[in-house]
Amino acid sequence: MTATTGTLRISELTTEHAEDVLAIYQLGIDEGNATFETTAPTWEAFDAGKLPGHRHIALDADGHVLGWIAATKVSDRCAYAGVVEHSVYVHPTARRQGVGAALIDALIASTEAAEIWTIQSGIFPENTASLHLHQKAGFRVIGTRERIGRHHGTWRDVVLIERRSPTIT
């Protein structure tokens, strides 16, 4: 799948994009409010953990990767077959340009086509830009898991969000 919006193109995330995707991931990690992770995984680990068909990248007119989104299974239990957790990362220089929104739209389209009814994520409350982006895309706050994990020695809260498909019943 490839979709173009203005000079922004959404395409399938493949091995060809590994270096750029992992670099953007590490930039998000380094900022301190994106994830509990401290280093980006190897491409092999990243690739093995993300669901095919629900991995997208945003490219500029010159083909540079501006951001990525990918989903993972929440559980192997059949009752949760329609539930995924996602991550979205946008290069710092490409933020506030519609990249994140376009990536979320691509994920919603791919998950609904696969009859996935819930997309969820956990976001640090300090990451207000991500919370706002997701709210605009139809995600709602489920609650806050207080002091759920340590990040660089500090307890951190995580805001749980989800988007339920209005078309998958």
N, C-alpha and C. Protein backbone atom coordinates (compact mmCIF):
# COMPACT_ATOMS: atom_id res chain seq x y z
N MET A 1 0.84 -1.19 0.00
CA MET A 1 0.00 0.00 0.00
C MET A 1 0.87 1.24 0.00
N THR A 2 0.57 2.17 -0.86
CA THR A 2 1.23 3.47 -0.89
C THR A 2 0.15 4.52 -1.07
N ALA A 3 0.16 5.52 -0.21
CA ALA A 3 -0.78 6.63 -0.31
C ALA A 3 0.00 7.92 -0.29
N THR A 4 -0.43 8.90 -1.07
CA THR A 4 0.26 10.18 -1.14
C THR A 4 -0.68 11.29 -0.68
N THR A 5 -0.17 12.16 0.20
CA THR A 5 -0.89 13.33 0.67
C THR A 5 0.03 14.53 0.48
N GLY A 6 -0.24 15.37 -0.52
CA GLY A 6 0.66 16.49 -0.79
C GLY A 6 2.02 15.94 -1.16
N THR A 7 3.05 16.37 -0.44
CA THR A 7 4.39 15.84 -0.69
C THR A 7 4.73 14.70 0.25
N LEU A 8 3.80 14.30 1.07
CA LEU A 8 3.98 13.21 2.02
C LEU A 8 3.44 11.92 1.42
N ARG A 9 4.25 10.87 1.47
CA ARG A 9 3.83 9.58 0.93
C ARG A 9 3.90 8.55 2.05
N ILE A 10 2.83 7.77 2.23
CA ILE A 10 2.80 6.68 3.20
C ILE A 10 3.01 5.38 2.44
N SER A 11 3.93 4.57 2.93
CA SER A 11 4.27 3.33 2.26
C SER A 11 4.51 2.24 3.28
N GLU A 12 4.65 1.02 2.80
CA GLU A 12 4.93 -0.12 3.67
C GLU A 12 6.33 0.00 4.25
N LEU A 13 6.47 -0.27 5.52
CA LEU A 13 7.77 -0.28 6.19
C LEU A 13 8.43 -1.62 5.89
N THR A 14 9.59 -1.59 5.25
CA THR A 14 10.30 -2.81 4.87
C THR A 14 11.75 -2.76 5.36
N THR A 15 12.46 -3.84 5.13
CA THR A 15 13.87 -3.93 5.50
C THR A 15 14.69 -2.80 4.88
N GLU A 16 14.29 -2.35 3.72
CA GLU A 16 14.97 -1.25 3.03
C GLU A 16 15.04 0.00 3.90
N HIS A 17 14.09 0.17 4.80
CA HIS A 17 14.01 1.36 5.64
C HIS A 17 14.59 1.16 7.03
N ALA A 18 15.17 0.01 7.29
CA ALA A 18 15.60 -0.37 8.64
C ALA A 18 16.48 0.68 9.30
N GLU A 19 17.51 1.12 8.63
CA GLU A 19 18.47 2.05 9.24
C GLU A 19 17.78 3.36 9.65
N ASP A 20 16.97 3.92 8.76
CA ASP A 20 16.27 5.17 9.07
C ASP A 20 15.24 4.99 10.16
N VAL A 21 14.49 3.91 10.12
CA VAL A 21 13.46 3.64 11.13
C VAL A 21 14.10 3.51 12.51
N LEU A 22 15.17 2.74 12.61
CA LEU A 22 15.83 2.56 13.91
C LEU A 22 16.49 3.85 14.39
N ALA A 23 16.98 4.67 13.47
CA ALA A 23 17.56 5.96 13.87
C ALA A 23 16.48 6.88 14.43
N ILE A 24 15.32 6.92 13.80
CA ILE A 24 14.21 7.73 14.30
C ILE A 24 13.74 7.20 15.65
N TYR A 25 13.69 5.89 15.79
CA TYR A 25 13.33 5.27 17.07
C TYR A 25 14.31 5.73 18.15
N GLN A 26 15.61 5.68 17.86
CA GLN A 26 16.61 6.06 18.86
C GLN A 26 16.49 7.54 19.22
N LEU A 27 16.19 8.40 18.24
CA LEU A 27 15.99 9.81 18.54
C LEU A 27 14.84 10.00 19.53
N GLY A 28 13.76 9.27 19.33
CA GLY A 28 12.64 9.33 20.27
C GLY A 28 13.02 8.82 21.64
N ILE A 29 13.76 7.74 21.68
CA ILE A 29 14.23 7.19 22.95
C ILE A 29 15.09 8.21 23.69
N ASP A 30 16.00 8.84 22.94
CA ASP A 30 16.94 9.80 23.55
C ASP A 30 16.23 11.01 24.16
N GLU A 31 15.06 11.37 23.63
CA GLU A 31 14.32 12.50 24.18
C GLU A 31 13.74 12.21 25.56
N GLY A 32 13.56 10.93 25.90
CA GLY A 32 13.19 10.56 27.25
C GLY A 32 11.72 10.43 27.57
N ASN A 33 10.81 10.76 26.64
CA ASN A 33 9.38 10.67 26.94
C ASN A 33 8.61 9.81 25.95
N ALA A 34 9.30 8.91 25.27
CA ALA A 34 8.63 8.10 24.27
C ALA A 34 8.42 6.65 24.70
N THR A 35 9.33 6.11 25.49
CA THR A 35 9.29 4.68 25.79
C THR A 35 10.16 4.38 27.00
N PHE A 36 9.94 3.23 27.59
CA PHE A 36 10.82 2.76 28.66
C PHE A 36 12.13 2.22 28.09
N GLU A 37 12.16 1.91 26.80
CA GLU A 37 13.37 1.40 26.18
C GLU A 37 14.49 2.42 26.30
N THR A 38 15.73 1.93 26.34
CA THR A 38 16.88 2.84 26.42
C THR A 38 17.71 2.80 25.14
N THR A 39 17.54 1.78 24.33
CA THR A 39 18.20 1.70 23.03
C THR A 39 17.25 1.04 22.03
N ALA A 40 17.38 1.46 20.80
CA ALA A 40 16.58 0.84 19.75
C ALA A 40 17.02 -0.62 19.59
N PRO A 41 16.10 -1.50 19.24
CA PRO A 41 16.45 -2.90 19.06
C PRO A 41 17.24 -3.11 17.77
N THR A 42 17.71 -4.31 17.59
CA THR A 42 18.29 -4.66 16.29
C THR A 42 17.16 -4.72 15.28
N TRP A 43 17.49 -4.65 14.01
CA TRP A 43 16.45 -4.77 12.99
C TRP A 43 15.76 -6.12 13.10
N GLU A 44 16.52 -7.17 13.36
CA GLU A 44 15.94 -8.51 13.44
C GLU A 44 14.88 -8.58 14.54
N ALA A 45 15.17 -8.00 15.70
CA ALA A 45 14.19 -8.01 16.80
C ALA A 45 12.99 -7.13 16.46
N PHE A 46 13.23 -5.96 15.89
CA PHE A 46 12.15 -5.07 15.49
C PHE A 46 11.25 -5.77 14.49
N ASP A 47 11.84 -6.31 13.45
CA ASP A 47 11.10 -6.96 12.37
C ASP A 47 10.28 -8.14 12.89
N ALA A 48 10.85 -8.92 13.78
CA ALA A 48 10.16 -10.10 14.30
C ALA A 48 8.97 -9.72 15.18
N GLY A 49 9.03 -8.56 15.83
CA GLY A 49 7.99 -8.18 16.77
C GLY A 49 6.83 -7.39 16.20
N LYS A 50 6.96 -6.93 14.97
CA LYS A 50 5.92 -6.08 14.38
C LYS A 50 5.09 -6.87 13.39
N LEU A 51 3.80 -6.62 13.39
CA LEU A 51 2.88 -7.37 12.53
C LEU A 51 3.00 -6.93 11.07
N PRO A 52 3.17 -7.88 10.18
CA PRO A 52 3.16 -7.54 8.75
C PRO A 52 1.79 -6.95 8.38
N GLY A 53 1.79 -6.02 7.47
CA GLY A 53 0.55 -5.40 7.05
C GLY A 53 0.14 -4.21 7.89
N HIS A 54 0.80 -4.02 9.02
CA HIS A 54 0.47 -2.91 9.92
C HIS A 54 1.74 -2.17 10.31
N ARG A 55 2.63 -2.02 9.32
CA ARG A 55 3.90 -1.31 9.50
C ARG A 55 4.02 -0.32 8.33
N HIS A 56 4.03 0.96 8.67
CA HIS A 56 4.01 1.99 7.64
C HIS A 56 5.10 3.02 7.91
N ILE A 57 5.55 3.65 6.83
CA ILE A 57 6.49 4.76 6.94
C ILE A 57 5.93 5.96 6.21
N ALA A 58 6.37 7.14 6.61
CA ALA A 58 6.06 8.38 5.91
C ALA A 58 7.35 8.83 5.22
N LEU A 59 7.22 9.14 3.94
CA LEU A 59 8.36 9.59 3.15
C LEU A 59 8.10 10.99 2.61
N ASP A 60 9.15 11.80 2.51
CA ASP A 60 9.00 13.10 1.88
C ASP A 60 9.14 12.94 0.37
N ALA A 61 9.08 14.05 -0.37
CA ALA A 61 9.13 14.01 -1.83
C ALA A 61 10.43 13.41 -2.35
N ASP A 62 11.50 13.49 -1.55
CA ASP A 62 12.79 12.95 -1.96
C ASP A 62 13.01 11.51 -1.50
N GLY A 63 12.01 10.94 -0.84
CA GLY A 63 12.11 9.56 -0.39
C GLY A 63 12.77 9.37 0.96
N HIS A 64 12.95 10.46 1.73
CA HIS A 64 13.53 10.35 3.07
C HIS A 64 12.44 9.92 4.06
N VAL A 65 12.80 9.03 4.96
CA VAL A 65 11.86 8.56 5.98
C VAL A 65 11.68 9.65 7.03
N LEU A 66 10.42 10.05 7.23
CA LEU A 66 10.07 11.09 8.20
C LEU A 66 9.53 10.51 9.50
N GLY A 67 9.00 9.28 9.44
CA GLY A 67 8.43 8.66 10.62
C GLY A 67 7.92 7.28 10.29
N TRP A 68 7.52 6.58 11.34
CA TRP A 68 7.02 5.21 11.17
C TRP A 68 5.96 4.90 12.22
N ILE A 69 5.15 3.90 11.90
CA ILE A 69 4.16 3.38 12.83
C ILE A 69 4.12 1.87 12.64
N ALA A 70 3.94 1.14 13.72
CA ALA A 70 3.88 -0.32 13.64
C ALA A 70 3.05 -0.85 14.80
N ALA A 71 2.47 -2.01 14.58
CA ALA A 71 1.62 -2.64 15.60
C ALA A 71 2.16 -4.01 15.97
N THR A 72 1.85 -4.41 17.20
CA THR A 72 2.20 -5.73 17.71
C THR A 72 0.94 -6.38 18.27
N LYS A 73 0.96 -7.70 18.34
CA LYS A 73 -0.16 -8.41 18.98
C LYS A 73 -0.14 -8.11 20.47
N VAL A 74 -1.32 -8.01 21.04
CA VAL A 74 -1.44 -7.81 22.47
C VAL A 74 -1.34 -9.15 23.20
N SER A 75 -1.87 -10.20 22.58
CA SER A 75 -1.93 -11.51 23.20
C SER A 75 -2.06 -12.59 22.13
N ASP A 76 -1.63 -13.78 22.47
CA ASP A 76 -1.84 -14.93 21.57
C ASP A 76 -3.21 -15.57 21.79
N ARG A 77 -3.92 -15.16 22.83
CA ARG A 77 -5.25 -15.71 23.10
C ARG A 77 -6.22 -15.28 22.00
N CYS A 78 -7.01 -16.20 21.51
CA CYS A 78 -7.89 -15.91 20.38
C CYS A 78 -8.90 -14.81 20.68
N ALA A 79 -9.28 -14.63 21.93
CA ALA A 79 -10.24 -13.58 22.29
C ALA A 79 -9.70 -12.18 21.99
N TYR A 80 -8.36 -12.05 21.93
CA TYR A 80 -7.73 -10.76 21.69
C TYR A 80 -7.19 -10.64 20.26
N ALA A 81 -7.68 -11.47 19.36
CA ALA A 81 -7.19 -11.45 17.97
C ALA A 81 -7.41 -10.10 17.29
N GLY A 82 -8.37 -9.33 17.75
CA GLY A 82 -8.67 -8.05 17.14
C GLY A 82 -8.13 -6.86 17.90
N VAL A 83 -7.11 -7.09 18.73
CA VAL A 83 -6.54 -6.02 19.54
C VAL A 83 -5.04 -5.95 19.28
N VAL A 84 -4.56 -4.74 18.95
CA VAL A 84 -3.13 -4.53 18.75
C VAL A 84 -2.66 -3.33 19.57
N GLU A 85 -1.37 -3.31 19.83
CA GLU A 85 -0.75 -2.16 20.46
C GLU A 85 0.17 -1.54 19.41
N HIS A 86 0.24 -0.23 19.39
CA HIS A 86 1.05 0.42 18.36
C HIS A 86 2.05 1.39 18.95
N SER A 87 3.04 1.71 18.12
CA SER A 87 4.01 2.75 18.39
C SER A 87 4.09 3.63 17.16
N VAL A 88 4.27 4.92 17.37
CA VAL A 88 4.45 5.85 16.27
C VAL A 88 5.57 6.82 16.65
N TYR A 89 6.50 7.00 15.72
CA TYR A 89 7.65 7.88 15.93
C TYR A 89 7.82 8.77 14.71
N VAL A 90 8.04 10.06 14.95
CA VAL A 90 8.26 11.02 13.88
C VAL A 90 9.60 11.71 14.13
N HIS A 91 10.39 11.85 13.07
CA HIS A 91 11.68 12.52 13.19
C HIS A 91 11.44 13.93 13.75
N PRO A 92 12.29 14.38 14.68
CA PRO A 92 12.07 15.70 15.30
C PRO A 92 11.91 16.84 14.30
N THR A 93 12.60 16.79 13.18
CA THR A 93 12.50 17.88 12.20
C THR A 93 11.23 17.81 11.36
N ALA A 94 10.48 16.71 11.48
CA ALA A 94 9.26 16.54 10.67
C ALA A 94 7.98 16.66 11.50
N ARG A 95 8.12 17.02 12.75
CA ARG A 95 6.94 17.11 13.61
C ARG A 95 6.10 18.33 13.28
N ARG A 96 4.81 18.24 13.62
CA ARG A 96 3.83 19.32 13.40
C ARG A 96 3.63 19.62 11.91
N GLN A 97 3.80 18.57 11.10
CA GLN A 97 3.60 18.71 9.66
C GLN A 97 2.60 17.68 9.13
N GLY A 98 1.88 17.01 10.03
CA GLY A 98 0.88 16.04 9.62
C GLY A 98 1.40 14.62 9.44
N VAL A 99 2.66 14.40 9.73
CA VAL A 99 3.25 13.07 9.55
C VAL A 99 2.62 12.06 10.49
N GLY A 100 2.55 12.39 11.78
CA GLY A 100 1.96 11.47 12.75
C GLY A 100 0.51 11.15 12.43
N ALA A 101 -0.25 12.15 12.06
CA ALA A 101 -1.67 11.94 11.73
C ALA A 101 -1.81 11.04 10.50
N ALA A 102 -0.98 11.26 9.49
CA ALA A 102 -1.03 10.41 8.29
C ALA A 102 -0.66 8.97 8.61
N LEU A 103 0.31 8.78 9.49
CA LEU A 103 0.70 7.42 9.88
C LEU A 103 -0.42 6.74 10.66
N ILE A 104 -1.04 7.45 11.58
CA ILE A 104 -2.15 6.87 12.35
C ILE A 104 -3.30 6.53 11.41
N ASP A 105 -3.60 7.40 10.46
CA ASP A 105 -4.66 7.11 9.49
C ASP A 105 -4.35 5.82 8.71
N ALA A 106 -3.09 5.64 8.32
CA ALA A 106 -2.69 4.43 7.58
C ALA A 106 -2.87 3.19 8.46
N LEU A 107 -2.51 3.31 9.74
CA LEU A 107 -2.67 2.16 10.63
C LEU A 107 -4.14 1.84 10.84
N ILE A 108 -4.96 2.85 11.02
CA ILE A 108 -6.40 2.62 11.19
C ILE A 108 -6.95 1.91 9.95
N ALA A 109 -6.56 2.35 8.77
CA ALA A 109 -7.04 1.73 7.54
C ALA A 109 -6.60 0.27 7.44
N SER A 110 -5.34 0.00 7.75
CA SER A 110 -4.85 -1.38 7.62
C SER A 110 -5.46 -2.30 8.68
N THR A 111 -5.64 -1.79 9.90
CA THR A 111 -6.21 -2.64 10.95
C THR A 111 -7.69 -2.90 10.71
N GLU A 112 -8.42 -1.89 10.27
CA GLU A 112 -9.84 -2.11 9.99
C GLU A 112 -10.03 -3.08 8.83
N ALA A 113 -9.17 -3.00 7.82
CA ALA A 113 -9.25 -3.94 6.70
C ALA A 113 -8.99 -5.38 7.17
N ALA A 114 -8.23 -5.52 8.26
CA ALA A 114 -7.93 -6.84 8.82
C ALA A 114 -8.89 -7.22 9.94
N GLU A 115 -9.95 -6.43 10.12
CA GLU A 115 -10.97 -6.66 11.15
C GLU A 115 -10.40 -6.62 12.57
N ILE A 116 -9.45 -5.74 12.76
CA ILE A 116 -8.92 -5.47 14.10
C ILE A 116 -9.78 -4.35 14.69
N TRP A 117 -10.35 -4.60 15.86
CA TRP A 117 -11.33 -3.66 16.41
C TRP A 117 -10.76 -2.69 17.44
N THR A 118 -9.57 -2.95 17.97
CA THR A 118 -9.00 -2.05 18.97
C THR A 118 -7.53 -1.83 18.71
N ILE A 119 -7.15 -0.56 18.69
CA ILE A 119 -5.73 -0.16 18.67
C ILE A 119 -5.48 0.51 20.01
N GLN A 120 -4.45 0.08 20.70
CA GLN A 120 -4.17 0.67 22.00
C GLN A 120 -2.70 1.05 22.10
N SER A 121 -2.37 1.82 23.12
CA SER A 121 -0.99 2.21 23.37
C SER A 121 -0.89 2.74 24.79
N GLY A 122 0.32 2.85 25.25
CA GLY A 122 0.62 3.49 26.53
C GLY A 122 1.56 4.65 26.27
N ILE A 123 1.23 5.82 26.80
CA ILE A 123 1.99 7.04 26.53
C ILE A 123 2.34 7.70 27.86
N PHE A 124 3.59 8.15 27.99
CA PHE A 124 3.95 8.91 29.18
C PHE A 124 3.10 10.19 29.22
N PRO A 125 2.57 10.57 30.37
CA PRO A 125 1.72 11.76 30.44
C PRO A 125 2.45 13.04 30.03
N GLU A 126 3.77 13.04 30.14
CA GLU A 126 4.55 14.21 29.75
C GLU A 126 4.60 14.38 28.23
N ASN A 127 4.26 13.33 27.50
CA ASN A 127 4.29 13.39 26.03
C ASN A 127 2.95 13.94 25.54
N THR A 128 2.72 15.20 25.85
CA THR A 128 1.44 15.83 25.55
C THR A 128 1.16 15.92 24.05
N ALA A 129 2.20 16.06 23.24
CA ALA A 129 2.00 16.13 21.78
C ALA A 129 1.42 14.81 21.27
N SER A 130 1.94 13.69 21.76
CA SER A 130 1.42 12.39 21.33
C SER A 130 0.00 12.17 21.83
N LEU A 131 -0.27 12.56 23.06
CA LEU A 131 -1.63 12.42 23.58
C LEU A 131 -2.62 13.25 22.76
N HIS A 132 -2.24 14.45 22.39
CA HIS A 132 -3.10 15.32 21.58
C HIS A 132 -3.30 14.72 20.18
N LEU A 133 -2.24 14.25 19.57
CA LEU A 133 -2.32 13.63 18.25
C LEU A 133 -3.30 12.46 18.26
N HIS A 134 -3.18 11.62 19.25
CA HIS A 134 -4.06 10.45 19.33
C HIS A 134 -5.51 10.84 19.62
N GLN A 135 -5.71 11.83 20.47
CA GLN A 135 -7.07 12.30 20.75
C GLN A 135 -7.73 12.79 19.46
N LYS A 136 -7.00 13.55 18.65
CA LYS A 136 -7.53 14.04 17.38
C LYS A 136 -7.86 12.89 16.42
N ALA A 137 -7.18 11.76 16.56
CA ALA A 137 -7.41 10.60 15.70
C ALA A 137 -8.50 9.67 16.24
N GLY A 138 -9.15 10.07 17.32
CA GLY A 138 -10.26 9.28 17.84
C GLY A 138 -9.91 8.33 18.97
N PHE A 139 -8.72 8.44 19.52
CA PHE A 139 -8.35 7.61 20.67
C PHE A 139 -8.91 8.26 21.93
N ARG A 140 -9.19 7.44 22.92
CA ARG A 140 -9.67 7.95 24.20
C ARG A 140 -8.78 7.44 25.31
N VAL A 141 -8.71 8.19 26.38
CA VAL A 141 -7.93 7.78 27.54
C VAL A 141 -8.73 6.77 28.34
N ILE A 142 -8.12 5.65 28.63
CA ILE A 142 -8.74 4.60 29.44
C ILE A 142 -8.43 4.82 30.92
N GLY A 143 -7.21 5.26 31.19
CA GLY A 143 -6.80 5.49 32.57
C GLY A 143 -5.30 5.67 32.63
N THR A 144 -4.80 5.82 33.85
CA THR A 144 -3.37 5.99 34.06
C THR A 144 -2.87 4.89 34.97
N ARG A 145 -1.81 4.23 34.51
CA ARG A 145 -1.13 3.25 35.36
C ARG A 145 -0.03 4.02 36.09
N GLU A 146 -0.22 4.20 37.38
CA GLU A 146 0.70 5.01 38.16
C GLU A 146 1.93 4.22 38.57
N ARG A 147 3.08 4.88 38.43
CA ARG A 147 4.36 4.28 38.83
C ARG A 147 4.48 2.83 38.32
N ILE A 148 4.19 2.63 37.05
CA ILE A 148 4.15 1.28 36.47
C ILE A 148 5.54 0.74 36.14
N GLY A 149 6.48 1.63 35.92
CA GLY A 149 7.83 1.17 35.57
C GLY A 149 8.86 2.24 35.87
N ARG A 150 10.11 1.78 35.95
CA ARG A 150 11.21 2.71 36.19
C ARG A 150 11.89 3.04 34.87
N HIS A 151 12.21 4.30 34.73
CA HIS A 151 12.88 4.79 33.55
C HIS A 151 14.05 5.64 34.03
N HIS A 152 15.26 5.16 33.79
CA HIS A 152 16.47 5.84 34.27
C HIS A 152 16.39 6.09 35.78
N GLY A 153 15.87 5.10 36.51
CA GLY A 153 15.82 5.18 37.96
C GLY A 153 14.63 5.93 38.54
N THR A 154 13.77 6.45 37.68
CA THR A 154 12.61 7.23 38.14
C THR A 154 11.33 6.48 37.80
N TRP A 155 10.42 6.39 38.78
CA TRP A 155 9.12 5.78 38.51
C TRP A 155 8.35 6.65 37.53
N ARG A 156 7.69 5.99 36.55
CA ARG A 156 6.94 6.73 35.53
C ARG A 156 5.51 6.20 35.45
N ASP A 157 4.59 7.10 35.20
CA ASP A 157 3.20 6.75 34.92
C ASP A 157 3.06 6.52 33.42
N VAL A 158 2.02 5.79 33.05
CA VAL A 158 1.69 5.58 31.64
C VAL A 158 0.19 5.76 31.47
N VAL A 159 -0.19 6.61 30.51
CA VAL A 159 -1.59 6.83 30.17
C VAL A 159 -1.98 5.79 29.12
N LEU A 160 -3.00 5.01 29.42
CA LEU A 160 -3.49 4.01 28.47
C LEU A 160 -4.53 4.64 27.57
N ILE A 161 -4.35 4.45 26.25
CA ILE A 161 -5.30 4.98 25.29
C ILE A 161 -5.77 3.86 24.38
N GLU A 162 -6.94 4.05 23.79
CA GLU A 162 -7.42 3.07 22.81
C GLU A 162 -8.33 3.75 21.80
N ARG A 163 -8.41 3.12 20.65
CA ARG A 163 -9.38 3.51 19.63
C ARG A 163 -10.14 2.26 19.25
N ARG A 164 -11.45 2.31 19.45
CA ARG A 164 -12.32 1.19 19.05
C ARG A 164 -12.88 1.50 17.69
N SER A 165 -12.81 0.56 16.79
CA SER A 165 -13.33 0.75 15.45
C SER A 165 -14.84 0.90 15.49
N PRO A 166 -15.35 1.93 14.81
CA PRO A 166 -16.81 2.07 14.74
C PRO A 166 -17.44 1.12 13.71
N THR A 167 -16.60 0.46 12.91
CA THR A 167 -17.14 -0.40 11.85
C THR A 167 -16.98 -1.89 12.11
N ILE A 168 -16.09 -2.28 12.99
CA ILE A 168 -15.88 -3.70 13.29
C ILE A 168 -16.74 -4.05 14.51
N THR A 169 -17.67 -4.98 14.31
CA THR A 169 -18.56 -5.35 15.43
C THR A 169 -18.46 -6.83 15.74
